[in-house]
Amino acid sequence: MAGKLFYRERRKLVDGAHTPRYQMVAIHGVDLKVQGKHLRMSELKCIAEAVGAELIHLPRGPKHAEEEASQG
């Protein structure tokens, strides 16, 4: 059975910033220790490929969709 790596996008992201954009939230079925707090998508994909795991994006909740609609 392949493992699963759950990640989400960072909440506070500055446009044009060259900072990692994703955060690892949970790991299932893989013996893995993550040292970094924020990761780039290329790093997530490389880790998942190396350990034979599937990447699963966690969507934001409905509350956040309402906030983004009122601001935009």
Protein backbone atom coordinates (compact mmCIF):
# COMPACT_ATOMS: atom_id res chain seq x y z
CA MET A 1 0.00 0.00 0.00
CA ALA A 2 1.35 3.39 -0.98
CA GLY A 3 1.41 6.16 1.58
CA LYS A 4 -0.31 9.50 1.37
CA LEU A 5 1.11 12.98 1.91
CA PHE A 6 -1.49 15.63 2.73
CA TYR A 7 -0.61 19.27 2.04
CA ARG A 8 -2.30 22.65 1.80
CA GLU A 9 -1.49 26.10 0.50
CA ARG A 10 -0.17 28.62 2.99
CA ARG A 11 -2.70 31.08 4.32
CA LYS A 12 -0.53 34.21 4.24
CA LEU A 13 1.19 34.48 0.91
CA VAL A 14 2.64 37.71 -0.45
CA ASP A 15 2.28 38.16 -4.21
CA GLY A 16 5.61 38.02 -6.00
CA ALA A 17 7.40 36.54 -2.99
CA HIS A 18 9.91 33.79 -3.69
CA THR A 19 8.93 31.77 -0.63
CA PRO A 20 7.73 28.17 -0.42
CA ARG A 21 4.00 28.06 -0.90
CA TYR A 22 2.80 24.74 0.59
CA GLN A 23 2.71 23.20 4.03
CA MET A 24 2.80 19.48 4.82
CA VAL A 25 -0.15 18.73 7.09
CA ALA A 26 -0.21 14.95 7.58
CA ILE A 27 1.55 11.77 6.50
CA HIS A 28 -0.12 8.35 6.34
CA GLY A 29 1.47 4.98 5.71
CA VAL A 30 5.02 6.26 5.20
CA ASP A 31 7.88 6.33 7.69
CA LEU A 32 8.98 9.90 7.01
CA LYS A 33 10.25 12.83 9.05
CA VAL A 34 9.84 16.29 7.50
CA GLN A 35 12.25 18.99 8.65
CA GLY A 36 10.93 21.99 6.69
CA LYS A 37 7.76 23.82 7.61
CA HIS A 38 7.00 25.29 4.17
CA LEU A 39 7.79 23.44 0.95
CA ARG A 40 7.67 24.09 -2.78
CA MET A 41 5.52 21.92 -5.05
CA SER A 42 8.64 20.56 -6.76
CA GLU A 43 9.96 19.48 -3.34
CA LEU A 44 6.65 17.82 -2.44
CA LYS A 45 6.59 15.92 -5.75
CA CYS A 46 10.20 14.78 -5.32
CA ILE A 47 9.53 13.52 -1.78
CA ALA A 48 6.35 11.72 -2.85
CA GLU A 49 8.11 10.03 -5.76
CA ALA A 50 11.06 8.96 -3.60
CA VAL A 51 8.90 7.31 -0.93
CA GLY A 52 6.20 6.03 -3.31
CA ALA A 53 3.43 8.16 -1.84
CA GLU A 54 0.44 9.98 -3.29
CA LEU A 55 0.08 13.74 -2.88
CA ILE A 56 -3.34 14.88 -1.65
CA HIS A 57 -4.27 18.58 -1.70
CA LEU A 58 -6.49 19.69 1.18
CA PRO A 59 -9.00 22.31 -0.02
CA ARG A 60 -9.95 25.37 1.98
CA GLY A 61 -13.31 25.32 3.74
CA PRO A 62 -16.48 27.15 2.67
CA LYS A 63 -15.82 29.95 5.19
CA HIS A 64 -12.68 30.97 3.30
CA ALA A 65 -14.48 30.98 -0.07
CA GLU A 66 -16.98 33.51 1.34
CA GLU A 67 -14.15 35.75 2.68
CA GLU A 68 -12.32 35.72 -0.68
CA ALA A 69 -15.54 36.58 -2.58
CA SER A 70 -16.27 39.57 -0.32
CA GLN A 71 -12.71 40.92 -0.64
CA GLY A 72 -12.38 40.50 -4.41
